[in-house]
Every structure is written in C-alpha cells, then in structure tokens.
Amino acid sequence: MSEDLLTDDNILRFTQGQRKKLEAHLLANGWPTDEDAQGTLMTLWNDMDRQALGNKRIGAAEKLADSDKYVASVIADVVRKFGSNIPYENGATQVGQGLLIEQYVESEQGKLPRVEPVPGEMSIGTANMNFGDFVKAFEDE
C-alpha cells in the first residue's frame, strides 16, 4: 500500500480482509482438529467481533453527535429569539416568594379560564416537611 492509502479506514478494511482469508484457510477442511488452529480461529473471531462492535460504537457516537448539534441549534434559535432571559419572565415582576406574570393572553373563543396561582405555587426551591405534615396536608384537602 502506498503512503497516501494508509488511512484508518483502509487499514481496517485490509486487516479485516486478511482475517477473513485466514478464517477461510483454517476452515477449508471443516472445523480444525488441531488445538492451536482452534485457538487461532477463536482469537480471530474475537478480533473480528471487537472491530465490528467498535464500528457500531463509532456509528452510535456519530448519531449522538448529530443529535447534540440539532439540540444546540434549537437552543441557539430560542436564545436568538428571546435573549438570555427565560421567555415567560418577560414583563414579569417578583411579588413575595412567587413570580407574578402580568400579561394574560385571552383565547379567541374565551374557552380557557384565567388561572390564578395559589400562595406558594410559584415558589422556587425545596420545602422542608416531615412525613406527618405531608400526610396532614393531603388529609386537609
């Protein structure tokens, strides 16, 4: 092989081809009875499997990279459209512990009722509550 043909893909194709030739030679007269030939054949198949699985991993990684590129482009589009702010925060003010959205979009037919958050519903963070308080909160409803 010339120097310019020694790409990774060409090398893999060459070695896989040589393995297949050796496999055909070892199996020419059926399953070898010689233990060394049997060991060579098993090692050969192990190497062929390893190369095939490596190629599958590379393919999966390429698909994942394409997926990541798509997600990044969608995120970039959202940032270009809304800036670095969270879209639903535009025109919002902080009241107490919750976020109050001042704008309300009316539906065309008025089918959707206006929703008012209950106290604490828009709070950000975690709540510390023991099991008894948790059960009591649901029993009171």
Protein backbone atom coordinates (compact mmCIF):
# COMPACT_ATOMS: atom_id res chain seq x y z
CA MET A 1 0.00 0.00 0.00
CA SER A 2 1.25 3.46 -0.75
CA GLU A 3 1.64 6.06 1.99
CA ASP A 4 -1.44 8.08 0.91
CA LEU A 5 -3.68 4.99 1.08
CA LEU A 6 -2.83 4.25 4.72
CA THR A 7 -5.93 5.86 6.18
CA ASP A 8 -7.53 4.32 9.27
CA ASP A 9 -10.49 3.07 7.24
CA ASN A 10 -8.23 1.47 4.62
CA ILE A 11 -6.12 -0.22 7.29
CA LEU A 12 -9.23 -1.62 9.00
CA ARG A 13 -10.60 -2.84 5.67
CA PHE A 14 -7.26 -4.51 4.88
CA THR A 15 -6.87 -6.24 8.25
CA GLN A 16 -10.50 -7.41 8.22
CA GLY A 17 -9.95 -8.83 4.73
CA GLN A 18 -6.83 -10.68 5.89
CA ARG A 19 -8.75 -12.10 8.86
CA LYS A 20 -11.46 -13.39 6.52
CA LYS A 21 -8.83 -15.04 4.30
CA LEU A 22 -7.21 -16.70 7.34
CA GLU A 23 -10.65 -17.82 8.53
CA ALA A 24 -11.37 -19.40 5.12
CA HIS A 25 -7.96 -21.13 5.18
CA LEU A 26 -8.48 -22.51 8.70
CA LEU A 27 -11.99 -23.79 7.85
CA ALA A 28 -11.13 -25.09 4.35
CA ASN A 29 -11.29 -28.72 5.54
CA GLY A 30 -14.00 -28.23 8.16
CA TRP A 31 -13.50 -27.48 11.84
CA PRO A 32 -9.78 -27.78 12.68
CA THR A 33 -8.84 -30.64 14.99
CA ASP A 34 -5.55 -29.01 15.97
CA GLU A 35 -5.88 -27.08 19.27
CA ASP A 36 -3.56 -24.31 18.05
CA ALA A 37 -5.67 -23.79 14.93
CA GLN A 38 -8.83 -23.78 17.04
CA GLY A 39 -7.31 -21.17 19.39
CA THR A 40 -6.20 -19.09 16.41
CA LEU A 41 -9.71 -19.27 14.95
CA MET A 42 -11.33 -18.23 18.23
CA THR A 43 -8.88 -15.31 18.63
CA LEU A 44 -9.54 -14.35 15.03
CA TRP A 45 -13.30 -14.27 15.57
CA ASN A 46 -12.85 -12.34 18.81
CA ASP A 47 -10.84 -9.69 16.95
CA MET A 48 -13.42 -9.54 14.16
CA ASP A 49 -16.23 -9.12 16.71
CA ARG A 50 -14.28 -6.41 18.54
CA GLN A 51 -13.75 -4.47 15.31
CA ALA A 52 -17.42 -4.80 14.32
CA LEU A 53 -18.56 -3.62 17.79
CA GLY A 54 -16.11 -0.72 17.64
CA ASN A 55 -17.59 0.33 14.30
CA LYS A 56 -21.10 0.17 15.81
CA ARG A 57 -19.98 2.34 18.76
CA ILE A 58 -18.50 4.88 16.37
CA GLY A 59 -21.78 4.93 14.41
CA ALA A 60 -23.80 5.42 17.59
CA ALA A 61 -21.48 8.20 18.73
CA GLU A 62 -21.86 9.95 15.37
CA LYS A 63 -25.67 9.76 15.65
CA LEU A 64 -25.48 11.17 19.18
CA ALA A 65 -23.22 13.99 17.99
CA ASP A 66 -25.72 14.82 15.23
CA SER A 67 -28.49 14.84 17.83
CA ASP A 68 -26.46 17.14 20.08
CA LYS A 69 -25.87 19.51 17.15
CA TYR A 70 -29.61 19.65 16.49
CA VAL A 71 -30.42 20.38 20.14
CA ALA A 72 -27.72 23.06 20.27
CA SER A 73 -29.16 24.73 17.16
CA VAL A 74 -32.66 24.74 18.69
CA ILE A 75 -31.31 26.27 21.91
CA ALA A 76 -29.41 28.88 19.88
CA ASP A 77 -32.63 29.75 18.00
CA VAL A 78 -34.50 30.21 21.29
CA VAL A 79 -31.72 32.41 22.70
CA ARG A 80 -31.67 34.49 19.49
CA LYS A 81 -35.44 34.96 19.71
CA PHE A 82 -35.83 35.63 23.42
CA GLY A 83 -32.35 36.64 24.52
CA SER A 84 -30.80 35.04 27.56
CA ASN A 85 -33.92 35.60 29.67
CA ILE A 86 -36.48 32.92 30.32
CA PRO A 87 -39.29 33.67 27.83
CA TYR A 88 -42.16 33.63 30.35
CA GLU A 89 -40.35 36.15 32.57
CA ASN A 90 -40.73 38.99 30.04
CA GLY A 91 -42.84 41.67 31.71
CA ALA A 92 -42.98 39.76 34.99
CA THR A 93 -42.37 41.14 38.45
CA GLN A 94 -41.34 39.37 41.63
CA VAL A 95 -44.07 39.50 44.26
CA GLY A 96 -43.47 37.88 47.64
CA GLN A 97 -41.93 34.48 47.04
CA GLY A 98 -43.68 33.77 43.75
CA LEU A 99 -43.44 35.08 40.23
CA LEU A 100 -46.44 37.08 39.01
CA ILE A 101 -46.97 37.16 35.25
CA GLU A 102 -48.64 40.45 34.44
CA GLN A 103 -49.70 39.61 30.91
CA TYR A 104 -52.68 37.39 30.29
CA VAL A 105 -53.43 36.19 26.78
CA GLU A 106 -57.12 35.82 26.04
CA SER A 107 -58.06 32.84 23.91
CA GLU A 108 -60.01 33.58 20.76
CA GLN A 109 -63.19 31.94 21.99
CA GLY A 110 -62.54 32.59 25.66
CA LYS A 111 -62.57 28.85 26.34
CA LEU A 112 -59.68 28.89 28.76
CA PRO A 113 -60.34 30.18 32.27
CA ARG A 114 -57.96 32.63 33.85
CA VAL A 115 -55.71 30.73 36.23
CA GLU A 116 -54.58 32.34 39.46
CA PRO A 117 -51.71 30.67 41.34
CA VAL A 118 -52.31 29.74 44.94
CA PRO A 119 -49.89 31.10 47.56
CA GLY A 120 -46.53 29.32 47.34
CA GLU A 121 -47.29 27.67 43.98
CA MET A 122 -44.72 29.75 42.11
CA SER A 123 -42.06 29.49 44.81
CA ILE A 124 -38.67 28.31 43.74
CA GLY A 125 -36.73 25.98 45.99
CA THR A 126 -37.37 22.99 48.18
CA ALA A 127 -39.79 22.63 51.04
CA ASN A 128 -38.79 21.01 54.31
CA MET A 129 -41.62 18.88 55.58
CA ASN A 130 -41.74 15.82 57.80
CA PHE A 131 -43.94 12.83 56.99
CA GLY A 132 -46.69 13.81 59.42
CA ASP A 133 -47.02 17.31 57.93
CA PHE A 134 -47.05 15.83 54.43
CA VAL A 135 -49.89 13.42 55.24
CA LYS A 136 -51.82 16.16 57.09
CA ALA A 137 -51.58 18.49 54.06
CA PHE A 138 -53.34 15.91 51.90
CA GLU A 139 -55.89 14.97 54.52
CA ASP A 140 -56.93 18.64 54.83
CA GLU A 141 -57.84 18.84 51.14
